[in-house]
N, C-alpha and C. Protein backbone atom coordinates (compact mmCIF):
# COMPACT_ATOMS: atom_id res chain seq x y z
N MET A 1 0.56 95.19 154.56
CA MET A 1 0.73 93.73 154.06
C MET A 1 0.59 93.45 152.68
N CYS A 2 1.12 92.35 152.02
CA CYS A 2 0.90 92.05 150.66
C CYS A 2 -0.58 91.48 150.52
N GLY A 3 -1.39 92.06 149.41
CA GLY A 3 -2.71 91.73 149.27
C GLY A 3 -2.84 90.19 148.67
N LEU A 4 -1.73 89.60 148.31
CA LEU A 4 -1.81 88.47 147.45
C LEU A 4 -1.39 87.15 148.45
N CYS A 5 -0.09 87.33 148.89
CA CYS A 5 0.42 86.24 149.48
C CYS A 5 0.31 86.45 151.27
N GLY A 6 -0.14 87.57 151.63
CA GLY A 6 -0.31 87.90 153.01
C GLY A 6 1.00 88.19 153.82
N ASP A 7 1.91 88.61 152.99
CA ASP A 7 3.13 88.88 153.59
C ASP A 7 3.11 90.07 154.62
N LEU A 8 3.34 89.78 155.79
CA LEU A 8 3.21 90.85 156.98
C LEU A 8 4.07 91.98 156.97
N ARG A 9 4.91 92.01 155.96
CA ARG A 9 5.97 93.30 155.86
C ARG A 9 5.11 94.40 155.66
N GLN A 10 5.40 95.65 156.05
CA GLN A 10 4.71 96.73 155.89
C GLN A 10 5.53 97.57 154.73
N TYR A 11 4.77 98.29 153.92
CA TYR A 11 5.45 99.17 153.04
C TYR A 11 4.81 100.52 153.14
N HIS A 12 5.55 101.55 153.48
CA HIS A 12 5.18 102.90 153.76
C HIS A 12 5.21 103.61 152.49
N ALA A 13 4.37 104.54 152.20
CA ALA A 13 4.32 105.26 151.04
C ALA A 13 5.50 106.25 150.89
N ARG A 14 5.96 106.77 151.92
CA ARG A 14 7.11 107.62 151.86
C ARG A 14 8.35 106.86 151.64
N CYS A 15 8.47 105.68 152.28
CA CYS A 15 9.75 104.81 151.98
C CYS A 15 9.78 104.49 150.45
N VAL A 16 8.78 104.26 149.91
CA VAL A 16 8.92 103.59 148.43
C VAL A 16 8.92 104.81 147.49
N GLY A 17 8.74 106.01 148.16
CA GLY A 17 8.74 107.16 147.07
C GLY A 17 7.32 107.26 146.37
N LEU A 18 6.16 107.09 146.97
CA LEU A 18 4.84 107.14 146.58
C LEU A 18 4.43 108.50 146.47
N SER A 19 4.06 109.06 145.32
CA SER A 19 3.63 110.58 145.21
C SER A 19 2.07 110.64 145.87
N TYR A 20 1.67 111.75 145.94
CA TYR A 20 0.34 112.06 146.54
C TYR A 20 -0.80 111.46 145.79
N ASP A 21 -0.60 111.87 144.40
CA ASP A 21 -1.65 111.11 143.32
C ASP A 21 -1.76 109.89 143.55
N GLU A 22 -0.48 109.07 143.46
CA GLU A 22 -0.55 107.59 143.62
C GLU A 22 -1.17 107.10 144.98
N GLY A 23 -0.81 107.83 146.03
CA GLY A 23 -1.39 107.63 147.23
C GLY A 23 -2.85 107.63 147.26
N CYS A 24 -3.40 108.55 146.63
CA CYS A 24 -4.87 108.75 146.66
C CYS A 24 -5.49 107.64 145.79
N ALA A 25 -4.75 107.27 144.91
CA ALA A 25 -5.30 106.14 144.01
C ALA A 25 -5.31 104.82 144.63
N CYS A 26 -4.49 104.82 145.69
CA CYS A 26 -4.42 103.50 146.45
C CYS A 26 -5.65 103.26 147.49
N LEU A 27 -6.36 104.49 147.57
CA LEU A 27 -7.34 104.25 148.63
C LEU A 27 -8.56 103.61 147.98
N HIS A 28 -8.56 103.47 146.61
CA HIS A 28 -9.78 102.50 146.10
C HIS A 28 -9.63 101.11 146.44
N ASP A 29 -10.91 100.55 146.45
CA ASP A 29 -11.07 99.12 147.05
C ASP A 29 -10.32 98.11 146.17
N ASN A 30 -10.09 98.32 144.88
CA ASN A 30 -9.53 97.36 144.03
C ASN A 30 -7.91 97.56 143.96
N ILE A 31 -7.46 98.53 144.95
CA ILE A 31 -6.00 98.73 144.72
C ILE A 31 -5.51 98.06 146.10
N PHE A 32 -4.37 97.35 145.99
CA PHE A 32 -3.64 96.76 147.11
C PHE A 32 -2.33 96.61 146.86
N TRP A 33 -1.57 96.45 148.06
CA TRP A 33 -0.06 96.47 147.98
C TRP A 33 0.36 94.94 147.66
N MET A 34 1.44 94.80 146.96
CA MET A 34 2.11 93.55 146.73
C MET A 34 3.48 93.68 147.11
N CYS A 35 4.03 92.45 147.68
CA CYS A 35 5.30 92.37 148.05
C CYS A 35 6.20 92.32 146.86
N ASP A 36 7.51 92.34 147.04
CA ASP A 36 8.46 92.28 145.92
C ASP A 36 8.32 91.07 145.08
N SER A 37 8.11 89.78 145.86
CA SER A 37 8.06 88.65 145.23
C SER A 37 6.85 88.39 144.25
N CYS A 38 5.72 88.91 144.80
CA CYS A 38 4.38 88.75 144.01
C CYS A 38 4.59 89.65 142.92
N ARG A 39 5.26 90.84 143.13
CA ARG A 39 5.25 91.79 141.94
C ARG A 39 6.14 91.26 140.93
N ASP A 40 7.21 90.51 141.21
CA ASP A 40 8.00 89.81 140.22
C ASP A 40 7.20 88.91 139.44
N ASP A 41 6.49 87.97 140.27
CA ASP A 41 5.72 86.89 139.54
C ASP A 41 4.67 87.34 138.76
N VAL A 42 4.30 88.52 139.08
CA VAL A 42 3.02 89.16 138.08
C VAL A 42 3.93 89.69 136.90
N GLU A 43 5.01 90.25 137.14
CA GLU A 43 5.65 90.71 135.93
C GLU A 43 6.08 89.64 134.88
N ARG A 44 6.47 88.36 135.48
CA ARG A 44 6.80 87.38 134.76
C ARG A 44 5.69 86.37 134.16
N GLY A 45 4.55 86.79 134.57
CA GLY A 45 3.26 86.00 134.23
C GLY A 45 3.06 84.80 134.81
N ARG A 46 3.65 84.43 135.99
CA ARG A 46 3.51 83.08 136.45
C ARG A 46 2.56 83.25 137.52
N PHE A 47 2.08 84.32 137.96
CA PHE A 47 1.07 84.46 139.02
C PHE A 47 -0.24 84.17 138.54
N GLN A 48 -0.58 84.68 137.25
CA GLN A 48 -1.79 84.12 136.73
C GLN A 48 -2.18 82.60 136.62
N LYS A 49 -0.93 81.87 136.22
CA LYS A 49 -0.91 80.41 136.24
C LYS A 49 -1.24 79.82 137.77
N SER A 50 -0.78 80.47 138.64
CA SER A 50 -0.82 80.06 140.08
C SER A 50 -2.06 80.15 140.59
N LEU A 51 -2.87 81.08 140.11
CA LEU A 51 -4.28 81.27 140.60
C LEU A 51 -5.36 80.20 140.23
N PRO A 52 -6.22 79.83 141.07
CA PRO A 52 -7.34 78.78 140.66
C PRO A 52 -8.14 79.45 139.64
N LYS A 53 -8.45 78.57 138.51
CA LYS A 53 -9.33 79.04 137.54
C LYS A 53 -10.75 79.06 137.87
N LYS A 54 -11.27 80.51 138.28
CA LYS A 54 -12.51 80.56 138.75
C LYS A 54 -13.66 80.15 137.88
N ASN A 55 -13.45 80.28 136.44
CA ASN A 55 -14.62 80.08 135.68
C ASN A 55 -14.57 78.41 135.41
N ASP A 56 -13.53 77.80 135.48
CA ASP A 56 -13.54 76.39 135.41
C ASP A 56 -14.16 75.67 136.76
N SER A 57 -13.95 76.33 137.84
CA SER A 57 -14.61 75.90 139.12
C SER A 57 -15.89 75.94 139.03
N GLU A 58 -16.38 77.28 138.62
CA GLU A 58 -17.80 77.53 138.55
C GLU A 58 -18.51 76.50 137.64
N TYR A 59 -17.97 76.30 136.38
CA TYR A 59 -18.59 75.55 135.56
C TYR A 59 -18.69 73.87 136.06
N ALA A 60 -17.41 73.44 136.93
CA ALA A 60 -17.60 72.21 137.39
C ALA A 60 -18.75 72.07 138.39
N THR A 61 -18.98 73.09 139.03
CA THR A 61 -20.08 73.20 140.10
C THR A 61 -21.44 73.26 139.46
N ARG A 62 -21.48 73.91 138.32
CA ARG A 62 -22.72 73.87 137.75
C ARG A 62 -23.11 72.66 136.94
N ASN A 63 -22.06 71.85 136.59
CA ASN A 63 -22.10 70.57 135.95
C ASN A 63 -22.65 69.63 136.92
N GLU A 64 -21.97 69.76 138.13
CA GLU A 64 -22.40 68.84 139.46
C GLU A 64 -23.86 68.95 139.56
N VAL A 65 -24.27 70.14 139.75
CA VAL A 65 -25.73 70.50 140.03
C VAL A 65 -26.64 69.91 139.14
N GLU A 66 -26.34 70.10 137.74
CA GLU A 66 -27.24 69.70 136.75
C GLU A 66 -27.29 68.05 136.74
N CYS A 67 -26.22 67.46 136.96
CA CYS A 67 -26.15 65.99 137.06
C CYS A 67 -27.05 65.62 138.34
N LEU A 68 -26.97 66.27 139.41
CA LEU A 68 -27.71 65.91 140.58
C LEU A 68 -29.23 66.05 140.21
N LYS A 69 -29.57 67.04 139.35
CA LYS A 69 -30.87 67.42 139.16
C LYS A 69 -31.43 66.32 138.23
N SER A 70 -30.75 65.87 137.30
CA SER A 70 -30.93 64.99 136.33
C SER A 70 -31.27 63.49 137.15
N GLU A 71 -30.30 63.30 138.12
CA GLU A 71 -30.50 62.02 138.83
C GLU A 71 -31.84 61.99 139.64
N ILE A 72 -32.00 63.20 140.22
CA ILE A 72 -33.25 63.24 140.92
C ILE A 72 -34.57 63.25 140.27
N THR A 73 -34.50 63.70 139.04
CA THR A 73 -35.63 63.44 138.12
C THR A 73 -35.72 61.99 137.71
N ARG A 74 -34.74 61.28 137.65
CA ARG A 74 -34.74 59.86 137.16
C ARG A 74 -35.38 59.05 138.16
N ILE A 75 -34.93 59.39 139.53
CA ILE A 75 -35.38 58.70 140.72
C ILE A 75 -36.81 58.85 141.06
N SER A 76 -37.10 60.18 140.75
CA SER A 76 -38.74 60.54 140.79
C SER A 76 -39.42 59.94 139.83
N SER A 77 -39.12 59.65 138.67
CA SER A 77 -39.81 58.92 137.65
C SER A 77 -39.84 57.46 137.97
N ILE A 78 -38.86 56.85 138.49
CA ILE A 78 -38.81 55.38 139.03
C ILE A 78 -39.93 55.16 140.21
N VAL A 79 -39.82 56.22 141.09
CA VAL A 79 -40.74 56.02 142.23
C VAL A 79 -42.22 56.18 141.82
N SER A 80 -42.59 57.12 140.77
CA SER A 80 -43.83 57.29 140.33
C SER A 80 -44.42 55.97 139.62
N GLN A 81 -43.49 55.49 138.96
CA GLN A 81 -43.92 54.05 138.25
C GLN A 81 -44.09 53.07 139.16
N MET A 82 -43.30 52.96 140.19
CA MET A 82 -43.47 52.01 141.39
C MET A 82 -44.91 52.14 142.01
N VAL A 83 -45.29 53.39 142.33
CA VAL A 83 -46.57 53.90 142.97
C VAL A 83 -47.79 53.45 141.97
N LYS A 84 -47.56 53.66 140.74
CA LYS A 84 -48.60 53.36 139.71
C LYS A 84 -48.98 51.73 139.65
N CYS A 85 -47.63 51.14 139.70
CA CYS A 85 -47.78 49.71 139.73
C CYS A 85 -48.52 49.00 141.05
N ASN A 86 -48.12 49.62 142.17
CA ASN A 86 -48.63 49.22 143.34
C ASN A 86 -50.09 49.41 143.26
N ASN A 87 -50.63 50.68 142.86
CA ASN A 87 -52.06 50.95 142.92
C ASN A 87 -52.83 50.10 141.97
N SER A 88 -52.24 49.48 140.90
CA SER A 88 -52.97 48.81 139.93
C SER A 88 -53.11 47.38 140.43
N VAL A 89 -52.37 46.94 141.32
CA VAL A 89 -52.32 45.42 141.71
C VAL A 89 -53.48 45.18 142.82
N PRO A 90 -54.50 44.61 142.46
CA PRO A 90 -55.65 44.35 143.43
C PRO A 90 -55.19 43.68 144.82
N ASN A 91 -55.86 44.00 145.84
CA ASN A 91 -55.64 43.42 147.06
C ASN A 91 -56.18 42.11 147.13
N GLU A 92 -55.39 41.09 147.35
CA GLU A 92 -55.85 39.69 147.28
C GLU A 92 -56.85 39.24 148.23
N SER A 93 -56.81 39.91 149.59
CA SER A 93 -57.62 39.78 150.59
C SER A 93 -58.96 40.32 150.34
N THR A 94 -59.11 41.35 149.49
CA THR A 94 -60.53 41.85 149.22
C THR A 94 -60.98 41.78 147.89
N ALA A 95 -60.06 41.25 146.83
CA ALA A 95 -60.65 41.02 145.35
C ALA A 95 -61.56 39.82 145.32
N GLU A 96 -62.48 39.96 144.36
CA GLU A 96 -63.40 38.98 144.17
C GLU A 96 -62.51 37.80 143.56
N SER A 97 -62.75 36.65 144.14
CA SER A 97 -62.30 35.33 143.68
C SER A 97 -62.75 35.05 142.42
N PRO A 98 -61.90 34.69 141.46
CA PRO A 98 -62.51 34.07 140.04
C PRO A 98 -62.89 32.76 140.01
N ILE A 99 -62.89 32.10 141.30
CA ILE A 99 -63.55 30.83 141.44
C ILE A 99 -64.84 30.78 142.13
N ALA A 100 -65.97 30.29 141.58
CA ALA A 100 -67.24 30.16 142.19
C ALA A 100 -67.54 28.84 142.53
N LEU A 101 -67.80 28.47 143.79
CA LEU A 101 -68.02 27.17 144.06
C LEU A 101 -69.60 27.00 144.33
N THR A 102 -70.00 25.79 143.91
CA THR A 102 -71.40 25.62 144.12
C THR A 102 -71.68 25.15 145.41
N PRO A 103 -72.84 25.90 145.81
CA PRO A 103 -73.14 25.90 147.25
C PRO A 103 -73.72 24.26 147.64
N ALA A 104 -73.26 23.82 148.80
CA ALA A 104 -73.54 22.34 149.25
C ALA A 104 -75.15 22.13 149.20
N ASN A 105 -75.81 23.03 149.41
CA ASN A 105 -77.28 22.84 149.48
C ASN A 105 -78.08 23.14 148.52
N ARG A 106 -77.60 23.28 147.25
CA ARG A 106 -78.26 23.66 146.13
C ARG A 106 -78.75 22.60 145.40
N SER A 107 -79.95 22.70 145.07
CA SER A 107 -80.59 21.55 144.38
C SER A 107 -80.14 21.49 142.88
N PRO A 108 -80.01 20.21 142.33
CA PRO A 108 -79.48 20.13 140.93
C PRO A 108 -80.38 20.71 139.92
N LEU A 109 -81.71 21.13 140.39
CA LEU A 109 -82.63 21.53 139.25
C LEU A 109 -82.65 23.02 139.47
N SER A 110 -81.91 23.53 140.36
CA SER A 110 -81.94 25.04 140.35
C SER A 110 -81.00 25.48 139.54
N SER A 111 -81.21 26.81 138.91
CA SER A 111 -80.02 27.46 138.13
C SER A 111 -79.17 28.39 139.01
N THR A 112 -77.86 28.45 138.43
CA THR A 112 -76.92 29.33 139.03
C THR A 112 -76.39 30.21 137.91
N LYS A 113 -76.59 31.73 138.02
CA LYS A 113 -76.00 32.63 137.00
C LYS A 113 -74.45 32.76 137.29
N LEU A 114 -73.65 32.70 136.28
CA LEU A 114 -72.29 32.80 136.56
C LEU A 114 -71.77 33.95 135.73
N ASN A 115 -70.74 34.66 136.09
CA ASN A 115 -70.01 35.69 135.33
C ASN A 115 -69.24 34.99 134.26
N ALA A 116 -68.94 35.70 132.99
CA ALA A 116 -68.20 35.11 131.94
C ALA A 116 -66.84 34.81 132.24
N SER A 117 -66.26 35.41 133.18
CA SER A 117 -64.72 34.90 133.65
C SER A 117 -64.84 34.04 134.80
N ASN A 118 -65.94 33.62 135.33
CA ASN A 118 -65.85 32.59 136.34
C ASN A 118 -65.70 31.25 135.93
N VAL A 119 -64.96 30.40 136.76
CA VAL A 119 -64.81 29.03 136.34
C VAL A 119 -65.03 28.33 137.57
N ILE A 120 -65.74 27.22 137.45
CA ILE A 120 -66.27 26.30 138.61
C ILE A 120 -65.28 25.36 138.75
N MET A 121 -64.96 25.23 140.05
CA MET A 121 -63.77 24.21 140.52
C MET A 121 -64.51 23.12 141.26
N GLN A 122 -64.35 21.76 140.98
CA GLN A 122 -65.15 20.65 141.45
C GLN A 122 -64.08 19.58 141.92
N SER A 123 -64.20 18.76 142.81
CA SER A 123 -63.54 17.69 143.18
C SER A 123 -63.19 16.65 141.90
N ARG A 124 -61.81 16.36 141.83
CA ARG A 124 -61.54 15.47 140.55
C ARG A 124 -61.50 13.94 140.99
N ASN A 125 -62.06 13.68 142.03
CA ASN A 125 -61.82 12.23 142.31
C ASN A 125 -62.52 11.22 141.40
N ASP A 126 -63.57 11.67 140.81
CA ASP A 126 -64.42 10.79 139.85
C ASP A 126 -63.36 10.65 138.53
N VAL A 127 -63.44 9.49 137.81
CA VAL A 127 -62.98 9.24 136.71
C VAL A 127 -63.52 10.07 135.50
N ASN A 128 -64.84 10.11 135.41
CA ASN A 128 -65.70 10.95 134.50
C ASN A 128 -66.22 12.02 135.25
N LEU A 129 -66.49 12.97 134.35
CA LEU A 129 -67.13 14.39 134.84
C LEU A 129 -68.50 14.39 134.48
N GLN A 130 -69.29 14.53 135.56
CA GLN A 130 -70.78 14.83 135.43
C GLN A 130 -71.31 16.21 135.35
N LEU A 131 -71.90 16.63 134.37
CA LEU A 131 -72.16 18.24 134.11
C LEU A 131 -73.85 18.13 134.30
N TYR A 132 -74.11 19.44 134.87
CA TYR A 132 -75.55 19.79 134.97
C TYR A 132 -75.71 20.89 133.99
N VAL A 133 -76.32 20.43 132.74
CA VAL A 133 -76.49 21.56 131.78
C VAL A 133 -78.06 22.05 131.78
N THR A 134 -78.29 23.25 131.98
CA THR A 134 -79.58 23.63 132.11
C THR A 134 -79.86 24.90 131.26
N ASN A 135 -81.28 25.43 131.28
CA ASN A 135 -81.75 26.40 130.59
C ASN A 135 -81.89 26.12 128.91
N ILE A 136 -82.26 24.96 128.84
CA ILE A 136 -82.49 24.41 127.52
C ILE A 136 -84.00 24.32 127.13
N ALA A 137 -84.32 24.82 125.94
CA ALA A 137 -85.53 24.92 125.33
C ALA A 137 -86.21 23.39 125.68
N PRO A 138 -87.65 23.37 125.84
CA PRO A 138 -88.37 22.09 125.94
C PRO A 138 -88.43 21.38 124.71
N ASP A 139 -88.27 21.89 123.65
CA ASP A 139 -88.43 21.06 122.47
C ASP A 139 -87.21 20.72 121.72
N VAL A 140 -86.03 20.90 122.66
CA VAL A 140 -84.67 20.52 121.98
C VAL A 140 -84.66 19.05 122.37
N THR A 141 -83.79 18.18 121.49
CA THR A 141 -83.85 16.85 121.76
C THR A 141 -82.56 16.56 122.33
N GLU A 142 -82.36 15.23 122.80
CA GLU A 142 -81.09 14.96 123.50
C GLU A 142 -79.92 14.80 122.49
N SER A 143 -80.24 14.49 121.29
CA SER A 143 -79.15 14.69 120.04
C SER A 143 -78.63 15.89 119.84
N GLU A 144 -79.60 16.83 119.85
CA GLU A 144 -79.23 18.20 119.77
C GLU A 144 -78.32 18.83 120.86
N VAL A 145 -78.64 18.41 122.18
CA VAL A 145 -77.98 18.86 123.37
C VAL A 145 -76.49 18.13 123.37
N LYS A 146 -76.47 16.93 122.93
CA LYS A 146 -75.31 16.18 122.79
C LYS A 146 -74.20 16.80 121.80
N GLN A 147 -74.83 17.20 120.72
CA GLN A 147 -74.00 17.94 119.60
C GLN A 147 -73.69 19.29 120.13
N MET A 148 -74.41 19.95 120.87
CA MET A 148 -73.99 21.31 121.38
C MET A 148 -73.04 21.10 122.38
N VAL A 149 -73.04 20.31 123.20
CA VAL A 149 -71.97 19.90 124.43
C VAL A 149 -70.61 19.70 123.67
N CYS A 150 -70.64 18.81 122.83
CA CYS A 150 -69.44 18.40 122.18
C CYS A 150 -68.70 19.47 121.50
N GLN A 151 -69.47 20.51 120.70
CA GLN A 151 -69.09 21.67 120.24
C GLN A 151 -68.48 22.62 121.18
N SER A 152 -69.11 22.64 122.20
CA SER A 152 -68.77 23.77 123.42
C SER A 152 -67.51 23.54 124.05
N ILE A 153 -67.34 22.11 124.31
CA ILE A 153 -66.09 21.66 125.05
C ILE A 153 -65.03 21.05 124.34
N GLY A 154 -65.21 20.77 122.94
CA GLY A 154 -64.32 20.19 122.17
C GLY A 154 -64.14 18.74 122.24
N ALA A 155 -65.23 18.15 122.71
CA ALA A 155 -65.29 16.71 122.88
C ALA A 155 -65.67 16.16 121.57
N ASP A 156 -65.21 14.81 121.25
CA ASP A 156 -65.70 13.98 120.14
C ASP A 156 -67.03 13.33 120.37
N ASP A 157 -67.23 13.01 121.74
CA ASP A 157 -68.53 12.39 122.06
C ASP A 157 -68.78 12.59 123.68
N VAL A 158 -70.05 12.42 124.02
CA VAL A 158 -70.25 12.31 125.35
C VAL A 158 -70.64 10.81 125.99
N LEU A 159 -70.27 10.58 127.04
CA LEU A 159 -70.43 9.19 127.54
C LEU A 159 -71.74 8.87 127.79
N HIS A 160 -72.74 9.87 128.39
CA HIS A 160 -73.89 9.69 128.79
C HIS A 160 -74.66 10.95 128.91
N ILE A 161 -75.92 10.85 128.43
CA ILE A 161 -76.82 12.04 128.56
C ILE A 161 -78.28 11.65 129.05
N LYS A 162 -78.72 12.31 129.89
CA LYS A 162 -80.19 11.97 130.49
C LYS A 162 -80.90 13.27 130.67
N CYS A 163 -81.93 13.28 130.44
CA CYS A 163 -83.01 14.60 130.62
C CYS A 163 -83.40 14.32 132.00
N LEU A 164 -83.55 15.65 132.74
CA LEU A 164 -83.89 15.54 133.95
C LEU A 164 -85.40 16.20 134.26
N ALA A 165 -86.10 16.21 133.28
CA ALA A 165 -87.43 16.63 133.41
C ALA A 165 -88.26 15.62 134.14
N PRO A 166 -89.22 16.00 134.95
CA PRO A 166 -90.10 15.23 135.78
C PRO A 166 -90.86 14.36 134.91
N SER A 167 -90.92 12.96 135.32
CA SER A 167 -91.69 12.05 134.49
C SER A 167 -93.31 12.49 134.41
N TRP A 168 -93.65 12.97 135.59
CA TRP A 168 -95.18 13.32 135.75
C TRP A 168 -95.63 14.61 135.17
N ARG A 169 -94.59 15.35 134.39
CA ARG A 169 -94.84 16.59 133.78
C ARG A 169 -94.78 16.54 132.30
N ASP A 170 -95.68 17.16 131.60
CA ASP A 170 -95.69 17.42 130.13
C ASP A 170 -94.44 18.26 129.83
N VAL A 171 -93.31 17.81 129.12
CA VAL A 171 -92.15 18.57 128.92
C VAL A 171 -92.65 20.01 128.10
N SER A 172 -93.58 19.84 127.35
CA SER A 172 -94.00 21.08 126.55
C SER A 172 -94.48 22.16 127.45
N THR A 173 -94.95 21.93 128.71
CA THR A 173 -95.41 22.78 129.55
C THR A 173 -94.37 23.61 130.45
N LEU A 174 -93.18 22.95 130.38
CA LEU A 174 -92.23 23.72 131.07
C LEU A 174 -91.32 24.69 130.46
N ASN A 175 -90.92 25.58 131.26
CA ASN A 175 -90.26 26.83 130.71
C ASN A 175 -88.81 26.56 130.28
N PHE A 176 -88.38 25.51 130.84
CA PHE A 176 -86.87 24.99 130.32
C PHE A 176 -86.70 23.64 130.87
N ILE A 177 -85.76 22.90 130.37
CA ILE A 177 -85.28 21.69 130.85
C ILE A 177 -83.69 21.44 131.14
N SER A 178 -83.51 20.60 131.69
CA SER A 178 -82.05 20.40 132.24
C SER A 178 -81.55 19.05 131.78
N PHE A 179 -80.32 18.78 131.77
CA PHE A 179 -79.66 17.65 131.27
C PHE A 179 -78.59 17.05 132.28
N LYS A 180 -78.45 15.87 132.44
CA LYS A 180 -77.10 15.42 133.10
C LYS A 180 -76.35 14.69 131.98
N VAL A 181 -75.17 15.27 131.80
CA VAL A 181 -74.23 14.95 130.73
C VAL A 181 -72.96 14.35 131.48
N THR A 182 -72.53 13.33 130.93
CA THR A 182 -71.20 12.62 131.49
C THR A 182 -70.24 12.81 130.36
N VAL A 183 -69.13 13.43 130.63
CA VAL A 183 -68.06 13.34 129.63
C VAL A 183 -66.71 12.94 130.37
N ASP A 184 -65.62 12.94 129.69
CA ASP A 184 -64.41 12.51 130.08
C ASP A 184 -63.76 13.69 130.95
N GLU A 185 -63.11 13.21 131.98
CA GLU A 185 -62.61 14.25 133.08
C GLU A 185 -61.52 15.30 132.14
N ARG A 186 -60.92 14.93 131.09
CA ARG A 186 -60.00 15.69 130.59
C ARG A 186 -60.57 17.03 129.94
N TYR A 187 -61.94 17.09 129.83
CA TYR A 187 -62.60 18.16 129.41
C TYR A 187 -63.18 19.14 130.50
N ARG A 188 -62.69 18.87 131.78
CA ARG A 188 -63.17 19.76 132.87
C ARG A 188 -62.98 21.29 132.74
N ASP A 189 -61.68 21.53 132.47
CA ASP A 189 -61.47 23.07 132.17
C ASP A 189 -62.36 23.83 131.18
N ALA A 190 -62.55 23.00 130.13
CA ALA A 190 -63.43 23.66 128.83
C ALA A 190 -64.74 23.61 129.29
N ALA A 191 -65.33 22.66 130.15
CA ALA A 191 -66.59 22.56 130.52
C ALA A 191 -66.98 23.62 131.39
N PHE A 192 -66.08 23.98 132.41
CA PHE A 192 -66.36 25.03 133.53
C PHE A 192 -66.04 26.45 133.04
N ARG A 193 -65.69 26.69 131.69
CA ARG A 193 -65.35 27.86 131.23
C ARG A 193 -66.51 28.55 130.69
N THR A 194 -67.42 29.53 131.23
CA THR A 194 -68.61 29.91 130.75
C THR A 194 -68.54 30.58 129.48
N ALA A 195 -67.43 30.96 128.95
CA ALA A 195 -67.60 31.69 127.67
C ALA A 195 -67.49 30.57 126.52
N ASN A 196 -67.44 29.26 126.85
CA ASN A 196 -67.38 28.32 125.86
C ASN A 196 -68.82 27.87 125.48
N TRP A 197 -69.73 28.32 126.27
CA TRP A 197 -71.17 27.70 126.09
C TRP A 197 -71.86 28.72 125.30
N PRO A 198 -72.99 28.37 124.62
CA PRO A 198 -73.84 29.35 123.88
C PRO A 198 -74.45 30.24 124.94
N SER A 199 -74.98 31.43 124.27
CA SER A 199 -75.60 32.30 125.16
C SER A 199 -76.87 31.81 125.77
N GLY A 200 -77.08 31.97 127.16
CA GLY A 200 -78.18 31.38 127.72
C GLY A 200 -78.12 29.99 128.42
N VAL A 201 -77.15 29.25 127.90
CA VAL A 201 -76.98 27.83 128.50
C VAL A 201 -75.98 28.04 129.85
N ARG A 202 -76.46 27.40 130.85
CA ARG A 202 -75.73 27.36 132.03
C ARG A 202 -75.19 25.91 132.39
N CYS A 203 -74.09 25.94 132.68
CA CYS A 203 -73.38 24.51 133.19
C CYS A 203 -72.74 24.71 134.43
N ARG A 204 -72.82 23.60 135.27
CA ARG A 204 -71.91 23.46 136.61
C ARG A 204 -71.88 21.97 136.68
N ALA A 205 -71.09 21.58 137.80
CA ALA A 205 -71.00 20.19 138.12
C ALA A 205 -72.22 19.57 138.47
N PHE A 206 -72.57 18.37 138.17
CA PHE A 206 -73.69 17.79 138.72
C PHE A 206 -73.33 17.14 140.19
N ARG A 207 -74.17 17.34 141.14
CA ARG A 207 -73.92 16.66 142.42
C ARG A 207 -75.14 16.07 142.85
N GLU A 208 -74.91 14.82 143.46
CA GLU A 208 -75.96 14.04 144.00
C GLU A 208 -76.14 14.60 145.41
N MET A 209 -77.49 14.96 145.67
CA MET A 209 -77.64 15.67 147.06
C MET A 209 -78.15 14.80 148.09
N CYS A 210 -78.42 13.42 147.68
CA CYS A 210 -78.85 12.38 148.67
C CYS A 210 -77.67 12.03 149.60
N ASN A 211 -77.84 12.39 150.84
CA ASN A 211 -76.79 12.11 151.86
C ASN A 211 -77.04 10.84 152.51
N SER A 212 -78.35 10.30 152.52
CA SER A 212 -78.84 9.07 153.01
C SER A 212 -79.90 8.53 152.34
N VAL A 213 -80.11 7.15 152.30
CA VAL A 213 -81.08 6.56 151.47
C VAL A 213 -81.93 5.81 152.69
N TRP A 214 -83.30 5.48 151.98
CA TRP A 214 -84.21 4.81 152.97
C TRP A 214 -84.26 3.33 152.52
N ARG A 215 -84.25 2.46 153.51
CA ARG A 215 -84.46 0.98 153.50
C ARG A 215 -85.48 0.64 154.48
N PRO A 216 -86.34 -0.33 153.92
CA PRO A 216 -87.24 -0.92 155.10
C PRO A 216 -86.66 -1.51 156.14
N SER A 217 -87.27 -1.28 157.25
CA SER A 217 -86.64 -2.20 158.64
C SER A 217 -87.00 -3.55 158.41
N SER A 218 -85.98 -4.39 159.06
CA SER A 218 -86.14 -5.83 158.95
C SER A 218 -87.39 -6.24 159.75
N LEU A 219 -88.23 -6.97 159.31
CA LEU A 219 -89.58 -7.65 160.18
C LEU A 219 -89.13 -8.83 160.74
N THR A 220 -89.53 -8.83 162.10
CA THR A 220 -89.15 -9.95 162.92
C THR A 220 -90.44 -10.78 162.89
N ILE A 221 -90.30 -12.16 162.48
CA ILE A 221 -91.52 -13.08 162.28
C ILE A 221 -91.48 -13.92 163.49
């Protein structure tokens, strides 16, 4: 049969006048029979044009493989970046809140140590803001504290300032004194930003802790 087109017609060596030497040469693997039509095509050079271009096919396959590799590399890079971003985002359920609330049972005369990034949030129901400024040296005057507060929060003036030192104690014997300072509500954010205050000065919202007051009972005469 023809080795190219698969023509089932058989060609006998004796019928075509094939010599012995030529017959022996046909025993090689690279030698095969061609029908008359295929032989004519080969002679006219059209057979080569009808065959698929193996080199072009292999080049196209290699090109597709390289494109797939490049796409896989690009996708892998994107996935890696997404994983890094997810790992860098803190878990909101476990991350420390940047807001520190003043405990309800804390005395105004007690000190509270705050981190530099912490911001104290308080109810904004009052028109004015009352601050508890503490850890002040006993020999510092109200005028000096007033000036320090204005510079720290960017205010032109304070509405009211009062020293909270006990009247029965000699101020010079105290380790530190505290002040109740009243300012305008618009300075709330600046007042509760710890970085705005000088080193060592602590500030938080002033809270009145008296939930009930005493009055003498009515006397029946």
